[in-house]
Protein backbone atom coordinates (compact mmCIF):
# COMPACT_ATOMS: atom_id res chain seq x y z
CA MET A 1 -104.52 -38.54 -103.31
CA LEU A 2 -107.60 -37.64 -101.29
CA ILE A 3 -105.50 -37.05 -98.16
CA LYS A 4 -103.32 -34.54 -100.03
CA ILE A 5 -106.38 -32.63 -101.22
CA LEU A 6 -107.70 -32.58 -97.66
CA ILE A 7 -104.36 -31.26 -96.36
CA VAL A 8 -104.34 -28.46 -98.95
CA ALA A 9 -107.97 -27.61 -98.13
CA VAL A 10 -107.17 -27.32 -94.41
CA LEU A 11 -104.13 -25.15 -95.18
CA PHE A 12 -106.33 -22.90 -97.32
CA ALA A 13 -108.89 -22.67 -94.50
CA ILE A 14 -106.11 -21.69 -92.08
CA VAL A 15 -105.00 -18.88 -94.40
CA LEU A 16 -108.61 -17.69 -94.80
CA SER A 17 -109.08 -17.65 -91.03
CA LEU A 18 -105.86 -15.68 -90.62
CA ALA A 19 -107.03 -13.16 -93.24
CA SER A 20 -110.40 -12.90 -91.49
CA GLY A 21 -108.67 -12.17 -88.19
CA LEU A 22 -106.56 -9.47 -89.84
CA PHE A 23 -109.64 -7.92 -91.43
CA HIS A 24 -111.48 -7.80 -88.10
CA LEU A 25 -108.40 -6.40 -86.37
CA VAL A 26 -108.26 -3.51 -88.82
CA LYS A 27 -111.98 -2.82 -89.30
CA ASP A 28 -113.53 -3.39 -85.86
CA SER A 29 -113.66 -0.51 -83.43
CA GLU A 30 -111.43 -0.63 -80.38
CA GLY A 31 -112.48 -3.08 -77.69
CA GLN A 32 -114.87 -4.90 -80.04
CA SER A 33 -112.51 -7.60 -81.28
CA LYS A 34 -114.64 -10.66 -80.41
CA ARG A 35 -114.80 -11.62 -84.09
CA MET A 36 -111.02 -11.44 -84.35
CA VAL A 37 -110.62 -13.71 -81.34
CA ASN A 38 -113.09 -16.16 -82.86
CA ALA A 39 -111.22 -16.17 -86.18
CA LEU A 40 -107.91 -16.81 -84.45
CA THR A 41 -109.47 -19.56 -82.33
CA VAL A 42 -110.67 -21.24 -85.51
CA ARG A 43 -107.16 -20.96 -86.93
CA ILE A 44 -105.64 -22.61 -83.87
CA VAL A 45 -108.17 -25.45 -83.97
CA LEU A 46 -107.54 -25.97 -87.69
CA SER A 47 -103.78 -25.97 -87.12
CA VAL A 48 -104.02 -28.61 -84.40
CA ALA A 49 -106.41 -30.66 -86.56
CA LEU A 50 -103.94 -30.43 -89.47
CA PHE A 51 -101.10 -31.65 -87.25
CA VAL A 52 -103.17 -34.60 -86.06
CA LEU A 53 -104.25 -35.36 -89.64
CA LEU A 54 -100.65 -35.31 -90.84
CA PHE A 55 -99.53 -37.57 -88.01
CA ILE A 56 -102.32 -40.09 -88.64
CA ALA A 57 -101.69 -40.05 -92.40
CA TRP A 58 -97.98 -40.64 -91.82
CA TYR A 59 -98.64 -43.44 -89.33
CA ALA A 60 -101.08 -45.12 -91.73
CA GLY A 61 -98.56 -44.85 -94.58
CA LEU A 62 -100.68 -42.52 -96.68
CA ILE A 63 -97.88 -39.94 -96.82
CA THR A 64 -94.13 -40.39 -96.50
CA PRO A 65 -91.33 -37.93 -95.83
CA HIS A 66 -88.81 -37.33 -98.61
CA ASN A 67 -85.16 -38.37 -98.16
CA VAL A 68 -85.17 -38.60 -94.38
CA ARG A 69 -81.87 -40.05 -93.17
């Protein structure tokens, strides 16, 4: 159960980072988008971490796919 909570928390963090990037895209003046780049970098790192977490959890048997044939 803990792994599922962790997966949902990482997904939520990815959405927050995406929203932060959108906010900085809209509000920052032109050419000053360093904060947007940082937010999107965080999102990419979180996405890769989520993929690795899902793969490890599947390999360890903590999660299983539904009706895979």
